Protein backbone atom coordinates (compact mmCIF):
# COMPACT_ATOMS: atom_id res chain seq x y z
CA MET A 1 -55.71 3.70 -83.40
CA ARG A 2 -56.55 1.54 -80.40
CA PRO A 3 -57.47 3.32 -77.17
CA VAL A 4 -54.77 3.64 -74.55
CA ALA A 5 -55.24 1.21 -71.67
CA TYR A 6 -54.14 3.34 -68.70
CA ASN A 7 -54.53 0.46 -66.28
CA PHE A 8 -52.05 -1.67 -68.24
CA HIS A 9 -48.79 -1.25 -66.33
CA MET A 10 -45.67 -0.79 -68.47
CA ALA A 11 -47.40 -1.06 -71.83
CA LYS A 12 -45.14 -1.11 -74.83
CA LEU A 13 -45.65 1.53 -77.50
CA GLU A 14 -46.75 -1.02 -80.09
CA ASP A 15 -49.53 -2.16 -77.76
CA VAL A 16 -51.32 1.17 -77.80
CA ILE A 17 -50.62 3.17 -80.93
CA PHE A 18 -49.99 1.34 -84.20
CA SER A 19 -51.14 -1.74 -85.99
CA THR A 20 -48.40 -4.30 -86.48
CA ASN A 21 -47.67 -3.21 -90.05
CA ARG A 22 -46.65 0.28 -88.82
CA GLU A 23 -48.05 1.86 -91.97
CA ASP A 24 -50.66 4.00 -90.23
CA ARG A 25 -50.99 7.16 -92.32
CA GLN A 26 -53.57 8.75 -90.03
CA PHE A 27 -51.22 9.50 -87.13
CA VAL A 28 -49.49 12.88 -87.11
CA GLY A 29 -47.16 13.72 -84.26
CA THR A 30 -43.88 13.09 -82.52
CA ILE A 31 -43.10 10.34 -80.03
CA ALA A 32 -40.05 10.81 -77.81
CA PHE A 33 -38.69 10.00 -74.38
CA ARG A 34 -40.00 12.41 -71.74
CA SER A 35 -36.49 12.88 -70.31
CA ASP A 36 -32.89 12.74 -71.52
CA GLU A 37 -32.26 10.34 -68.63
CA LEU A 38 -34.46 7.63 -70.21
CA SER A 39 -33.39 5.18 -72.90
CA LEU A 40 -34.21 1.83 -74.45
CA PRO A 41 -32.86 -1.40 -72.88
CA ASP A 42 -29.77 -1.31 -75.14
CA GLY A 43 -28.92 2.27 -74.01
CA SER A 44 -30.04 3.89 -77.26
CA SER A 45 -32.51 6.71 -77.57
CA MET A 46 -34.93 7.56 -80.36
CA ALA A 47 -37.57 10.08 -81.31
CA LEU A 48 -40.01 9.45 -84.14
CA GLY A 49 -41.92 12.14 -86.03
CA ILE A 50 -44.73 11.04 -88.34
CA ASP A 51 -46.81 13.10 -90.72
CA GLY A 52 -48.81 10.70 -92.84
CA GLY A 53 -46.30 9.04 -95.13
CA HIS A 54 -43.34 11.20 -94.01
CA TRP A 55 -41.36 9.67 -91.13
CA VAL A 56 -38.35 11.15 -89.35
CA LEU A 57 -36.39 8.96 -86.94
CA VAL A 58 -33.70 10.54 -84.77
CA TYR A 59 -31.49 7.78 -83.37
CA GLN A 60 -28.65 7.92 -80.87
CA ARG A 61 -26.81 4.67 -80.11
CA GLY A 62 -25.84 5.93 -76.63
CA ARG A 63 -25.26 9.11 -74.66
CA GLY A 64 -22.67 11.36 -76.20
CA VAL A 65 -22.75 9.49 -79.53
CA HIS A 66 -23.57 11.20 -82.83
CA PHE A 67 -27.28 11.39 -83.73
CA THR A 68 -28.36 9.74 -86.98
CA VAL A 69 -31.39 11.24 -88.72
CA TYR A 70 -33.44 9.05 -91.05
CA GLU A 71 -36.04 10.81 -93.20
CA TYR A 72 -38.39 8.58 -95.17
CA ASP A 73 -41.08 9.70 -97.62
CA SER A 74 -43.25 6.67 -98.35
CA ASN A 75 -45.08 8.47 -101.17
CA LYS A 76 -41.82 8.88 -103.08
CA GLN A 77 -40.21 5.80 -101.48
CA ALA A 78 -37.19 8.01 -100.79
CA LEU A 79 -34.86 7.76 -97.80
CA ARG A 80 -32.27 10.25 -96.65
CA VAL A 81 -29.82 9.54 -93.85
CA ASP A 82 -28.12 12.58 -92.35
CA LYS A 83 -29.31 14.56 -95.40
CA LYS A 84 -27.66 12.15 -97.87
CA PRO A 85 -29.44 9.60 -100.09
CA GLY A 86 -30.06 6.37 -98.20
CA SER A 87 -29.49 2.83 -99.43
CA ASP A 88 -31.62 -0.32 -99.17
CA GLU A 89 -29.48 -1.31 -96.17
CA ASP A 90 -30.20 2.05 -94.53
CA TYR A 91 -33.93 1.46 -95.08
CA LYS A 92 -33.71 -2.00 -93.49
CA GLU A 93 -31.78 -0.53 -90.54
CA MET A 94 -34.37 2.24 -90.08
CA LYS A 95 -37.22 -0.29 -90.07
CA LYS A 96 -35.32 -2.47 -87.61
CA LEU A 97 -34.74 0.53 -85.30
CA ILE A 98 -38.40 1.59 -85.47
CA GLY A 99 -39.45 -1.99 -84.71
CA TYR A 100 -37.12 -2.03 -81.70
CA PHE A 101 -38.48 1.32 -80.51
CA PHE A 102 -42.09 0.15 -80.84
CA SER A 103 -41.49 -3.15 -79.10
CA HIS A 104 -39.31 -1.89 -76.22
CA ALA A 105 -40.36 1.69 -75.44
CA ARG A 106 -42.68 1.83 -72.44
CA THR A 107 -45.56 4.26 -72.74
CA GLU A 108 -44.96 5.77 -69.31
CA ASP A 109 -41.45 6.83 -70.44
CA LEU A 110 -42.70 8.67 -73.53
CA ILE A 111 -44.42 11.86 -74.53
CA THR A 112 -46.50 12.23 -77.64
CA ILE A 113 -46.73 15.65 -79.21
CA ILE A 114 -49.72 16.03 -81.49
CA PRO A 115 -49.83 19.26 -83.47
CA PRO A 116 -53.02 21.29 -83.29
CA ARG A 117 -55.45 20.78 -86.14
CA SER A 118 -55.72 23.70 -88.49
CA SER A 119 -59.07 25.39 -88.88
CA HIS A 120 -59.12 24.03 -92.46
CA ASP A 121 -59.34 20.35 -91.37
């Protein structure tokens, strides 16, 4: 993970947290908007939880619209969308949404929740 450049005004998420392939298995945490009032340029909102190879994307196209939950386990290469088996098209859509989130979310609009390390680590 690259260090955060605090003097870089309006940094995009992809500039400070992940390599471009977005396959970083070392990061564990949740990235979300710090307020319900904030959104991406298209009006959508997302939160992304990552635990090694297990990714959970919560996506809302706009305020008041149904949330879609994508759960991807890269170890099993299994995707579930709203608790149902996902298709190849769902996988492509999830990757597209994550790419949009990474390239448009500004770091100052986000919070990152990193769980505490267990004493066994």
